Amino acid sequence: MTDPKDTINIENVVASTGIGQELDLQSVAMDLEGADYDPEQFPGLVYRTQNPKSAALIFRSGKIVCTGAKSTDDVHESLGIVFDKLRELQIPVDDDPEITVQNIVTSADLGENLNLNAIAIGLGLENIEYEPEQFPGLVYRLDEPSVVALLFGSGKLVITGGKKPEDAEAAVDVIISRLSELGLLSGSL
């Protein structure tokens, strides 16, 4: 049987940074090739990098949010590209702006079907939300690590709210442990 931790895959890393000054986004949009700026649709300028693939959302305040990256290394590489592009436009950017990971979204697979009704009862209502008429997954809020896990009947998981990749591994361990204690996993993982 495959260890569910071996199935963990980072789907998205969201990080924020800033360049410490206001920007004229209209001017930046005209000079930055490939930038999308439609202030009636979204207040920020969107600049996509291809390698690694991500989107930088650049705001007038100088704040930048990077989303869509598949690793924390990709975040740093993508934002490095953005910083270099801004420098090419004569916009002063520090040598090494601080980058803060806000959220890592991961997926995993427990490798067996889950009885979400039994899990909802077993885990107790204070930590979960389960309304199958509204959403097919069970929402499980963990305290340690501080993440939210979506459990699906297929055994698939989505874990969000992590700040580092190890948070997903810890969450999978907690979920397996709790479901095993409740006798809700068939294999003794």
N, C-alpha and C. Protein backbone atom coordinates (compact mmCIF):
# COMPACT_ATOMS: atom_id res chain seq x y z
N MET A 1 0.85 -1.18 0.00
CA MET A 1 0.00 0.00 0.00
C MET A 1 0.90 1.25 0.00
N THR A 2 0.53 2.19 -0.86
CA THR A 2 1.30 3.44 -0.95
C THR A 2 1.09 4.27 0.31
N ASP A 3 2.17 4.83 0.83
CA ASP A 3 2.06 5.75 1.97
C ASP A 3 1.39 7.02 1.47
N PRO A 4 0.26 7.42 2.09
CA PRO A 4 -0.42 8.63 1.64
C PRO A 4 0.48 9.86 1.60
N LYS A 5 1.52 9.89 2.46
CA LYS A 5 2.42 11.05 2.42
C LYS A 5 3.22 11.10 1.12
N ASP A 6 3.38 9.93 0.47
CA ASP A 6 4.08 9.90 -0.82
C ASP A 6 3.21 10.48 -1.94
N THR A 7 1.91 10.63 -1.67
CA THR A 7 1.01 11.16 -2.71
C THR A 7 0.84 12.67 -2.60
N ILE A 8 1.46 13.27 -1.59
CA ILE A 8 1.31 14.72 -1.40
C ILE A 8 1.90 15.47 -2.58
N ASN A 9 1.13 16.40 -3.10
CA ASN A 9 1.55 17.19 -4.25
C ASN A 9 1.20 18.64 -3.99
N ILE A 10 2.16 19.53 -4.15
CA ILE A 10 1.86 20.96 -4.00
C ILE A 10 1.14 21.45 -5.25
N GLU A 11 -0.04 22.02 -5.05
CA GLU A 11 -0.85 22.52 -6.16
C GLU A 11 -0.66 24.01 -6.38
N ASN A 12 -0.42 24.75 -5.30
CA ASN A 12 -0.33 26.20 -5.41
C ASN A 12 0.39 26.74 -4.17
N VAL A 13 1.29 27.69 -4.42
CA VAL A 13 1.94 28.43 -3.32
C VAL A 13 1.60 29.90 -3.52
N VAL A 14 1.09 30.53 -2.48
CA VAL A 14 0.77 31.95 -2.53
C VAL A 14 1.72 32.66 -1.57
N ALA A 15 2.38 33.70 -2.07
CA ALA A 15 3.33 34.44 -1.25
C ALA A 15 3.16 35.93 -1.52
N SER A 16 3.60 36.74 -0.55
CA SER A 16 3.50 38.19 -0.73
C SER A 16 4.85 38.84 -0.49
N THR A 17 5.01 40.00 -1.10
CA THR A 17 6.21 40.79 -0.94
C THR A 17 5.84 42.23 -1.25
N GLY A 18 6.79 43.08 -1.28
CA GLY A 18 6.52 44.48 -1.62
C GLY A 18 7.80 45.17 -1.98
N ILE A 19 7.65 46.29 -2.71
CA ILE A 19 8.84 47.05 -3.10
C ILE A 19 8.91 48.38 -2.37
N GLY A 20 7.97 48.62 -1.44
CA GLY A 20 8.07 49.76 -0.55
C GLY A 20 7.80 51.11 -1.16
N GLN A 21 7.09 51.13 -2.28
CA GLN A 21 6.74 52.42 -2.88
C GLN A 21 5.54 52.26 -3.78
N GLU A 22 4.83 53.36 -4.00
CA GLU A 22 3.65 53.33 -4.86
C GLU A 22 4.08 53.25 -6.32
N LEU A 23 3.20 52.65 -7.12
CA LEU A 23 3.46 52.48 -8.55
C LEU A 23 2.34 53.10 -9.37
N ASP A 24 2.70 53.64 -10.51
CA ASP A 24 1.71 54.06 -11.50
C ASP A 24 1.46 52.85 -12.39
N LEU A 25 0.41 52.09 -12.06
CA LEU A 25 0.18 50.82 -12.76
C LEU A 25 -0.10 51.01 -14.24
N GLN A 26 -0.75 52.11 -14.60
CA GLN A 26 -1.03 52.37 -16.02
C GLN A 26 0.28 52.47 -16.80
N SER A 27 1.22 53.21 -16.23
CA SER A 27 2.52 53.39 -16.87
C SER A 27 3.29 52.07 -16.91
N VAL A 28 3.27 51.34 -15.80
CA VAL A 28 3.97 50.04 -15.76
C VAL A 28 3.37 49.09 -16.79
N ALA A 29 2.03 49.07 -16.88
CA ALA A 29 1.35 48.18 -17.83
C ALA A 29 1.76 48.47 -19.26
N MET A 30 1.96 49.76 -19.58
CA MET A 30 2.33 50.12 -20.95
C MET A 30 3.77 49.69 -21.26
N ASP A 31 4.65 49.71 -20.25
CA ASP A 31 6.07 49.42 -20.47
C ASP A 31 6.44 47.95 -20.24
N LEU A 32 5.62 47.24 -19.49
CA LEU A 32 5.94 45.85 -19.13
C LEU A 32 5.24 44.91 -20.10
N GLU A 33 6.03 44.33 -20.99
CA GLU A 33 5.46 43.47 -22.02
C GLU A 33 4.78 42.25 -21.40
N GLY A 34 3.55 41.99 -21.83
CA GLY A 34 2.81 40.84 -21.34
C GLY A 34 1.98 41.11 -20.10
N ALA A 35 2.00 42.34 -19.60
CA ALA A 35 1.23 42.67 -18.40
C ALA A 35 -0.24 42.87 -18.77
N ASP A 36 -1.13 42.43 -17.88
CA ASP A 36 -2.57 42.66 -18.03
C ASP A 36 -3.02 43.62 -16.96
N TYR A 37 -3.65 44.71 -17.38
CA TYR A 37 -4.13 45.68 -16.40
C TYR A 37 -5.48 46.20 -16.86
N ASP A 38 -6.52 45.84 -16.13
CA ASP A 38 -7.88 46.31 -16.39
C ASP A 38 -8.49 46.67 -15.05
N PRO A 39 -8.28 47.92 -14.60
CA PRO A 39 -8.69 48.32 -13.25
C PRO A 39 -10.19 48.19 -12.99
N GLU A 40 -11.00 48.12 -14.04
CA GLU A 40 -12.44 47.93 -13.82
C GLU A 40 -12.75 46.50 -13.43
N GLN A 41 -11.87 45.56 -13.81
CA GLN A 41 -12.07 44.15 -13.49
C GLN A 41 -11.34 43.74 -12.21
N PHE A 42 -10.13 44.29 -12.04
CA PHE A 42 -9.28 43.90 -10.91
C PHE A 42 -8.32 45.06 -10.63
N PRO A 43 -8.13 45.42 -9.36
CA PRO A 43 -7.34 46.62 -9.05
C PRO A 43 -5.83 46.48 -9.28
N GLY A 44 -5.35 45.27 -9.50
CA GLY A 44 -3.92 45.07 -9.67
C GLY A 44 -3.55 44.76 -11.10
N LEU A 45 -2.27 44.89 -11.37
CA LEU A 45 -1.71 44.51 -12.66
C LEU A 45 -1.30 43.04 -12.54
N VAL A 46 -1.58 42.25 -13.57
CA VAL A 46 -1.23 40.83 -13.54
C VAL A 46 -0.07 40.61 -14.51
N TYR A 47 1.02 40.05 -13.97
CA TYR A 47 2.17 39.73 -14.81
C TYR A 47 2.48 38.24 -14.63
N ARG A 48 2.41 37.50 -15.73
CA ARG A 48 2.61 36.05 -15.67
C ARG A 48 4.04 35.69 -16.08
N THR A 49 4.66 34.80 -15.31
CA THR A 49 5.94 34.23 -15.72
C THR A 49 5.67 32.83 -16.25
N GLN A 50 6.46 32.41 -17.22
CA GLN A 50 6.26 31.09 -17.84
C GLN A 50 7.16 30.02 -17.25
N ASN A 51 8.36 30.41 -16.84
CA ASN A 51 9.30 29.42 -16.35
C ASN A 51 10.06 29.97 -15.15
N PRO A 52 9.64 29.69 -13.94
CA PRO A 52 8.50 28.84 -13.56
C PRO A 52 7.17 29.57 -13.78
N LYS A 53 6.13 28.78 -13.92
CA LYS A 53 4.80 29.32 -14.20
C LYS A 53 4.18 29.89 -12.92
N SER A 54 3.78 31.17 -12.99
CA SER A 54 3.10 31.80 -11.86
C SER A 54 2.49 33.09 -12.36
N ALA A 55 1.73 33.72 -11.48
CA ALA A 55 1.18 35.05 -11.78
C ALA A 55 1.53 35.97 -10.62
N ALA A 56 2.07 37.13 -10.95
CA ALA A 56 2.35 38.15 -9.94
C ALA A 56 1.26 39.20 -10.04
N LEU A 57 0.60 39.46 -8.93
CA LEU A 57 -0.43 40.49 -8.87
C LEU A 57 0.24 41.70 -8.23
N ILE A 58 0.41 42.74 -9.03
CA ILE A 58 1.16 43.92 -8.59
C ILE A 58 0.15 45.04 -8.31
N PHE A 59 0.20 45.59 -7.10
CA PHE A 59 -0.77 46.61 -6.70
C PHE A 59 -0.12 47.99 -6.63
N ARG A 60 -0.95 49.01 -6.72
CA ARG A 60 -0.50 50.40 -6.72
C ARG A 60 0.36 50.70 -5.49
N SER A 61 0.04 50.07 -4.37
CA SER A 61 0.77 50.29 -3.11
C SER A 61 2.21 49.78 -3.16
N GLY A 62 2.53 49.00 -4.20
CA GLY A 62 3.85 48.37 -4.26
C GLY A 62 3.85 46.95 -3.70
N LYS A 63 2.70 46.53 -3.17
CA LYS A 63 2.58 45.14 -2.69
C LYS A 63 2.45 44.22 -3.90
N ILE A 64 3.02 43.03 -3.77
CA ILE A 64 2.98 42.05 -4.85
C ILE A 64 2.59 40.71 -4.24
N VAL A 65 1.64 40.03 -4.88
CA VAL A 65 1.23 38.69 -4.46
C VAL A 65 1.56 37.74 -5.61
N CYS A 66 2.28 36.68 -5.30
CA CYS A 66 2.62 35.67 -6.30
C CYS A 66 1.73 34.46 -6.05
N THR A 67 1.08 33.98 -7.10
CA THR A 67 0.19 32.83 -6.96
C THR A 67 0.39 31.88 -8.14
N GLY A 68 0.05 30.61 -7.93
CA GLY A 68 0.14 29.64 -9.01
C GLY A 68 1.44 28.87 -9.06
N ALA A 69 2.41 29.24 -8.23
CA ALA A 69 3.69 28.53 -8.22
C ALA A 69 3.49 27.14 -7.60
N LYS A 70 4.36 26.21 -7.97
CA LYS A 70 4.25 24.84 -7.48
C LYS A 70 5.24 24.50 -6.38
N SER A 71 6.08 25.48 -5.99
CA SER A 71 7.02 25.26 -4.88
C SER A 71 7.46 26.61 -4.35
N THR A 72 8.03 26.60 -3.15
CA THR A 72 8.53 27.86 -2.59
C THR A 72 9.73 28.35 -3.40
N ASP A 73 10.53 27.43 -3.95
CA ASP A 73 11.64 27.84 -4.82
C ASP A 73 11.11 28.57 -6.05
N ASP A 74 10.04 28.04 -6.63
CA ASP A 74 9.43 28.68 -7.81
C ASP A 74 8.93 30.08 -7.49
N VAL A 75 8.39 30.27 -6.28
CA VAL A 75 7.93 31.60 -5.85
C VAL A 75 9.10 32.58 -5.89
N HIS A 76 10.22 32.18 -5.28
CA HIS A 76 11.38 33.06 -5.22
C HIS A 76 11.94 33.34 -6.62
N GLU A 77 11.96 32.31 -7.46
CA GLU A 77 12.46 32.49 -8.82
C GLU A 77 11.53 33.41 -9.62
N SER A 78 10.22 33.19 -9.52
CA SER A 78 9.25 34.01 -10.25
C SER A 78 9.33 35.47 -9.82
N LEU A 79 9.36 35.68 -8.50
CA LEU A 79 9.42 37.06 -8.01
C LEU A 79 10.75 37.71 -8.36
N GLY A 80 11.82 36.93 -8.43
CA GLY A 80 13.11 37.47 -8.89
C GLY A 80 12.99 38.02 -10.31
N ILE A 81 12.26 37.28 -11.17
CA ILE A 81 12.02 37.74 -12.54
C ILE A 81 11.23 39.05 -12.52
N VAL A 82 10.19 39.10 -11.69
CA VAL A 82 9.36 40.31 -11.59
C VAL A 82 10.20 41.50 -11.12
N PHE A 83 11.00 41.27 -10.08
CA PHE A 83 11.85 42.35 -9.56
C PHE A 83 12.79 42.87 -10.65
N ASP A 84 13.40 41.92 -11.42
CA ASP A 84 14.32 42.33 -12.49
C ASP A 84 13.59 43.14 -13.57
N LYS A 85 12.37 42.72 -13.92
CA LYS A 85 11.59 43.45 -14.93
C LYS A 85 11.29 44.86 -14.44
N LEU A 86 10.95 45.00 -13.16
CA LEU A 86 10.65 46.33 -12.62
C LEU A 86 11.92 47.20 -12.61
N ARG A 87 13.06 46.57 -12.26
CA ARG A 87 14.32 47.32 -12.27
C ARG A 87 14.64 47.82 -13.68
N GLU A 88 14.35 46.97 -14.70
CA GLU A 88 14.58 47.37 -16.09
C GLU A 88 13.76 48.60 -16.45
N LEU A 89 12.62 48.80 -15.76
CA LEU A 89 11.77 49.97 -16.00
C LEU A 89 12.19 51.16 -15.12
N GLN A 90 13.39 51.05 -14.53
CA GLN A 90 13.94 52.11 -13.67
C GLN A 90 13.14 52.28 -12.38
N ILE A 91 12.47 51.22 -11.94
CA ILE A 91 11.76 51.25 -10.66
C ILE A 91 12.70 50.65 -9.62
N PRO A 92 13.06 51.43 -8.59
CA PRO A 92 14.01 50.90 -7.61
C PRO A 92 13.39 49.76 -6.78
N VAL A 93 14.10 48.65 -6.76
CA VAL A 93 13.68 47.48 -5.97
C VAL A 93 14.89 47.05 -5.16
N ASP A 94 14.71 46.82 -3.86
CA ASP A 94 15.80 46.34 -3.01
C ASP A 94 16.43 45.09 -3.61
N ASP A 95 17.66 44.80 -3.20
CA ASP A 95 18.36 43.63 -3.72
C ASP A 95 17.65 42.33 -3.35
N ASP A 96 17.08 42.28 -2.15
CA ASP A 96 16.49 41.03 -1.69
C ASP A 96 15.23 41.31 -0.87
N PRO A 97 14.13 41.72 -1.55
CA PRO A 97 12.91 42.01 -0.78
C PRO A 97 12.42 40.78 -0.02
N GLU A 98 11.86 41.00 1.16
CA GLU A 98 11.35 39.89 1.97
C GLU A 98 10.12 39.28 1.29
N ILE A 99 10.11 37.96 1.20
CA ILE A 99 9.00 37.22 0.60
C ILE A 99 8.40 36.34 1.69
N THR A 100 7.08 36.46 1.88
CA THR A 100 6.40 35.70 2.93
C THR A 100 5.41 34.73 2.30
N VAL A 101 5.58 33.43 2.58
CA VAL A 101 4.62 32.44 2.10
C VAL A 101 3.35 32.58 2.93
N GLN A 102 2.23 32.80 2.26
CA GLN A 102 0.95 32.98 2.93
C GLN A 102 0.15 31.68 3.01
N ASN A 103 0.27 30.85 1.98
CA ASN A 103 -0.58 29.67 1.90
C ASN A 103 0.03 28.66 0.93
N ILE A 104 0.08 27.41 1.36
CA ILE A 104 0.47 26.33 0.46
C ILE A 104 -0.72 25.37 0.37
N VAL A 105 -1.20 25.16 -0.86
CA VAL A 105 -2.31 24.24 -1.09
C VAL A 105 -1.73 22.94 -1.64
N THR A 106 -2.06 21.83 -0.97
CA THR A 106 -1.54 20.53 -1.40
C THR A 106 -2.70 19.55 -1.58
N SER A 107 -2.43 18.50 -2.33
CA SER A 107 -3.40 17.41 -2.45
C SER A 107 -2.70 16.13 -1.98
N ALA A 108 -3.51 15.16 -1.59
CA ALA A 108 -2.98 13.86 -1.17
C ALA A 108 -4.10 12.83 -1.37
N ASP A 109 -3.75 11.57 -1.21
CA ASP A 109 -4.72 10.49 -1.42
C ASP A 109 -4.51 9.44 -0.33
N LEU A 110 -5.58 9.18 0.44
CA LEU A 110 -5.48 8.15 1.49
C LEU A 110 -5.54 6.74 0.91
N GLY A 111 -5.89 6.62 -0.37
CA GLY A 111 -5.83 5.32 -1.03
C GLY A 111 -7.03 4.42 -0.78
N GLU A 112 -8.09 4.97 -0.20
CA GLU A 112 -9.31 4.17 -0.01
C GLU A 112 -10.50 5.12 0.14
N ASN A 113 -11.69 4.59 -0.15
CA ASN A 113 -12.90 5.39 -0.01
C ASN A 113 -13.17 5.69 1.46
N LEU A 114 -13.78 6.83 1.71
CA LEU A 114 -14.07 7.25 3.07
C LEU A 114 -15.58 7.39 3.28
N ASN A 115 -16.03 7.01 4.46
CA ASN A 115 -17.42 7.23 4.85
C ASN A 115 -17.48 8.57 5.55
N LEU A 116 -17.83 9.62 4.80
CA LEU A 116 -17.78 10.97 5.36
C LEU A 116 -18.81 11.18 6.46
N ASN A 117 -19.96 10.50 6.39
CA ASN A 117 -20.95 10.64 7.46
C ASN A 117 -20.39 10.12 8.78
N ALA A 118 -19.75 8.95 8.73
CA ALA A 118 -19.16 8.38 9.95
C ALA A 118 -18.02 9.26 10.46
N ILE A 119 -17.23 9.81 9.53
CA ILE A 119 -16.11 10.67 9.93
C ILE A 119 -16.64 11.94 10.59
N ALA A 120 -17.72 12.51 10.04
CA ALA A 120 -18.30 13.73 10.60
C ALA A 120 -18.75 13.48 12.04
N ILE A 121 -19.37 12.34 12.28
CA ILE A 121 -19.82 12.01 13.64
C ILE A 121 -18.61 11.74 14.54
N GLY A 122 -17.66 10.97 14.03
CA GLY A 122 -16.50 10.57 14.83
C GLY A 122 -15.59 11.73 15.23
N LEU A 123 -15.37 12.67 14.30
CA LEU A 123 -14.46 13.78 14.60
C LEU A 123 -15.10 14.84 15.47
N GLY A 124 -16.43 14.87 15.50
CA GLY A 124 -17.11 15.85 16.35
C GLY A 124 -17.33 17.16 15.61
N LEU A 125 -18.46 17.77 15.90
CA LEU A 125 -18.89 18.93 15.12
C LEU A 125 -18.09 20.19 15.37
N GLU A 126 -17.29 20.23 16.45
CA GLU A 126 -16.56 21.47 16.73
C GLU A 126 -15.41 21.71 15.74
N ASN A 127 -14.91 20.64 15.10
CA ASN A 127 -13.78 20.79 14.18
C ASN A 127 -14.13 20.61 12.71
N ILE A 128 -15.37 20.25 12.44
CA ILE A 128 -15.69 19.92 11.04
C ILE A 128 -16.93 20.66 10.57
N GLU A 129 -17.03 20.77 9.24
CA GLU A 129 -18.26 21.21 8.58
C GLU A 129 -18.53 20.18 7.51
N TYR A 130 -19.74 19.67 7.49
CA TYR A 130 -20.09 18.70 6.45
C TYR A 130 -21.54 18.89 6.08
N GLU A 131 -21.76 19.45 4.90
CA GLU A 131 -23.10 19.62 4.37
C GLU A 131 -23.09 19.13 2.92
N PRO A 132 -23.30 17.82 2.75
CA PRO A 132 -23.15 17.23 1.41
C PRO A 132 -24.06 17.85 0.35
N GLU A 133 -25.19 18.47 0.78
CA GLU A 133 -26.06 19.11 -0.21
C GLU A 133 -25.40 20.37 -0.76
N GLN A 134 -24.50 20.97 0.04
CA GLN A 134 -23.84 22.22 -0.35
C GLN A 134 -22.49 21.97 -1.03
N PHE A 135 -21.73 21.01 -0.50
CA PHE A 135 -20.37 20.75 -0.97
C PHE A 135 -20.05 19.29 -0.69
N PRO A 136 -19.47 18.57 -1.67
CA PRO A 136 -19.28 17.12 -1.49
C PRO A 136 -18.17 16.72 -0.52
N GLY A 137 -17.39 17.67 -0.05
CA GLY A 137 -16.30 17.33 0.85
C GLY A 137 -16.59 17.68 2.29
N LEU A 138 -15.86 17.04 3.17
CA LEU A 138 -15.94 17.34 4.60
C LEU A 138 -14.79 18.30 4.92
N VAL A 139 -15.10 19.40 5.59
CA VAL A 139 -14.10 20.40 5.95
C VAL A 139 -13.65 20.11 7.39
N TYR A 140 -12.35 19.84 7.54
CA TYR A 140 -11.79 19.48 8.84
C TYR A 140 -10.73 20.51 9.20
N ARG A 141 -10.98 21.26 10.27
CA ARG A 141 -10.04 22.29 10.72
C ARG A 141 -9.12 21.70 11.78
N LEU A 142 -7.84 21.63 11.47
CA LEU A 142 -6.87 21.08 12.41
C LEU A 142 -6.21 22.23 13.19
N ASP A 143 -5.92 21.97 14.46
CA ASP A 143 -5.22 22.96 15.27
C ASP A 143 -3.71 22.88 15.06
N GLU A 144 -3.21 21.66 14.96
CA GLU A 144 -1.77 21.45 14.84
C GLU A 144 -1.51 20.38 13.81
N PRO A 145 -0.99 20.69 12.63
CA PRO A 145 -0.67 22.03 12.16
C PRO A 145 -1.96 22.83 11.90
N SER A 146 -1.83 24.14 11.88
CA SER A 146 -2.99 25.00 11.68
C SER A 146 -3.33 25.06 10.19
N VAL A 147 -4.11 24.07 9.74
CA VAL A 147 -4.52 23.97 8.34
C VAL A 147 -5.98 23.56 8.27
N VAL A 148 -6.53 23.65 7.07
CA VAL A 148 -7.87 23.15 6.81
C VAL A 148 -7.73 22.03 5.78
N ALA A 149 -8.32 20.88 6.09
CA ALA A 149 -8.28 19.74 5.16
C ALA A 149 -9.68 19.49 4.63
N LEU A 150 -9.77 19.31 3.33
CA LEU A 150 -11.02 18.88 2.71
C LEU A 150 -10.87 17.39 2.43
N LEU A 151 -11.78 16.59 3.00
CA LEU A 151 -11.76 15.15 2.79
C LEU A 151 -12.90 14.79 1.86
N PHE A 152 -12.62 13.97 0.86
CA PHE A 152 -13.65 13.55 -0.09
C PHE A 152 -13.87 12.06 0.02
N GLY A 153 -15.05 11.61 -0.37
CA GLY A 153 -15.42 10.20 -0.28
C GLY A 153 -14.45 9.29 -1.02
N SER A 154 -13.78 9.82 -2.04
CA SER A 154 -12.82 9.04 -2.83
C SER A 154 -11.53 8.75 -2.07
N GLY A 155 -11.35 9.42 -0.91
CA GLY A 155 -10.10 9.28 -0.16
C GLY A 155 -9.11 10.38 -0.49
N LYS A 156 -9.48 11.22 -1.44
CA LYS A 156 -8.60 12.34 -1.80
C LYS A 156 -8.74 13.45 -0.75
N LEU A 157 -7.64 14.17 -0.56
CA LEU A 157 -7.59 15.29 0.39
C LEU A 157 -7.08 16.53 -0.31
N VAL A 158 -7.55 17.68 0.13
CA VAL A 158 -6.92 18.95 -0.23
C VAL A 158 -6.62 19.63 1.09
N ILE A 159 -5.37 20.07 1.25
CA ILE A 159 -4.94 20.70 2.50
C ILE A 159 -4.52 22.13 2.17
N THR A 160 -5.13 23.08 2.87
CA THR A 160 -4.84 24.48 2.60
C THR A 160 -4.53 25.21 3.90
N GLY A 161 -3.79 26.29 3.78
CA GLY A 161 -3.45 27.08 4.96
C GLY A 161 -2.06 26.82 5.49
N GLY A 162 -1.35 25.86 4.91
CA GLY A 162 0.01 25.58 5.36
C GLY A 162 0.95 26.71 5.01
N LYS A 163 1.99 26.86 5.83
CA LYS A 163 3.00 27.90 5.57
C LYS A 163 4.30 27.28 5.05
N LYS A 164 4.44 25.95 5.26
CA LYS A 164 5.62 25.25 4.76
C LYS A 164 5.18 23.86 4.32
N PRO A 165 5.91 23.26 3.37
CA PRO A 165 5.49 21.95 2.82
C PRO A 165 5.29 20.88 3.89
N GLU A 166 6.07 20.94 4.98
CA GLU A 166 5.96 19.91 6.03
C GLU A 166 4.59 19.93 6.72
N ASP A 167 3.88 21.07 6.64
CA ASP A 167 2.55 21.16 7.27
C ASP A 167 1.60 20.12 6.67
N ALA A 168 1.71 19.87 5.36
CA ALA A 168 0.83 18.89 4.72
C ALA A 168 1.13 17.48 5.23
N GLU A 169 2.42 17.16 5.39
CA GLU A 169 2.78 15.83 5.91
C GLU A 169 2.25 15.65 7.32
N ALA A 170 2.40 16.68 8.15
CA ALA A 170 1.90 16.60 9.53
C ALA A 170 0.38 16.45 9.53
N ALA A 171 -0.30 17.16 8.63
CA ALA A 171 -1.77 17.07 8.56
C ALA A 171 -2.21 15.67 8.15
N VAL A 172 -1.54 15.08 7.17
CA VAL A 172 -1.88 13.72 6.74
C VAL A 172 -1.66 12.74 7.89
N ASP A 173 -0.58 12.91 8.64
CA ASP A 173 -0.33 12.05 9.80
C ASP A 173 -1.47 12.17 10.82
N VAL A 174 -1.90 13.40 11.11
CA VAL A 174 -2.98 13.63 12.08
C VAL A 174 -4.27 12.99 11.59
N ILE A 175 -4.60 13.19 10.32
CA ILE A 175 -5.85 12.65 9.75
C ILE A 175 -5.84 11.12 9.81
N ILE A 176 -4.74 10.50 9.39
CA ILE A 176 -4.64 9.03 9.42
C ILE A 176 -4.77 8.54 10.87
N SER A 177 -4.09 9.21 11.77
CA SER A 177 -4.12 8.82 13.18
C SER A 177 -5.55 8.89 13.74
N ARG A 178 -6.24 10.02 13.49
CA ARG A 178 -7.60 10.21 14.02
C ARG A 178 -8.57 9.20 13.39
N LEU A 179 -8.47 9.00 12.07
CA LEU A 179 -9.41 8.08 11.41
C LEU A 179 -9.12 6.64 11.82
N SER A 180 -7.86 6.32 12.04
CA SER A 180 -7.51 4.97 12.52
C SER A 180 -8.04 4.74 13.93
N GLU A 181 -7.88 5.74 14.82
CA GLU A 181 -8.40 5.63 16.18
C GLU A 181 -9.91 5.37 16.17
N LEU A 182 -10.59 6.00 15.21
CA LEU A 182 -12.05 5.86 15.12
C LEU A 182 -12.46 4.60 14.37
N GLY A 183 -11.48 3.84 13.85
CA GLY A 183 -11.78 2.62 13.10
C GLY A 183 -12.39 2.91 11.74
N LEU A 184 -12.05 4.08 11.16
CA LEU A 184 -12.67 4.49 9.90
C LEU A 184 -11.73 4.36 8.71
N LEU A 185 -10.57 3.76 8.92
CA LEU A 185 -9.68 3.43 7.80
C LEU A 185 -9.51 1.93 7.80
N SER A 186 -9.67 1.30 6.64
CA SER A 186 -9.61 -0.17 6.62
C SER A 186 -8.19 -0.68 6.80
N GLY A 187 -7.24 -0.10 6.05
CA GLY A 187 -5.85 -0.54 6.18
C GLY A 187 -5.24 0.09 7.40
N SER A 188 -4.44 -0.67 8.14
CA SER A 188 -3.74 -0.03 9.25
C SER A 188 -2.50 0.61 8.64
N LEU A 189 -2.63 1.91 8.39
CA LEU A 189 -1.58 2.62 7.64
C LEU A 189 -0.37 2.91 8.49
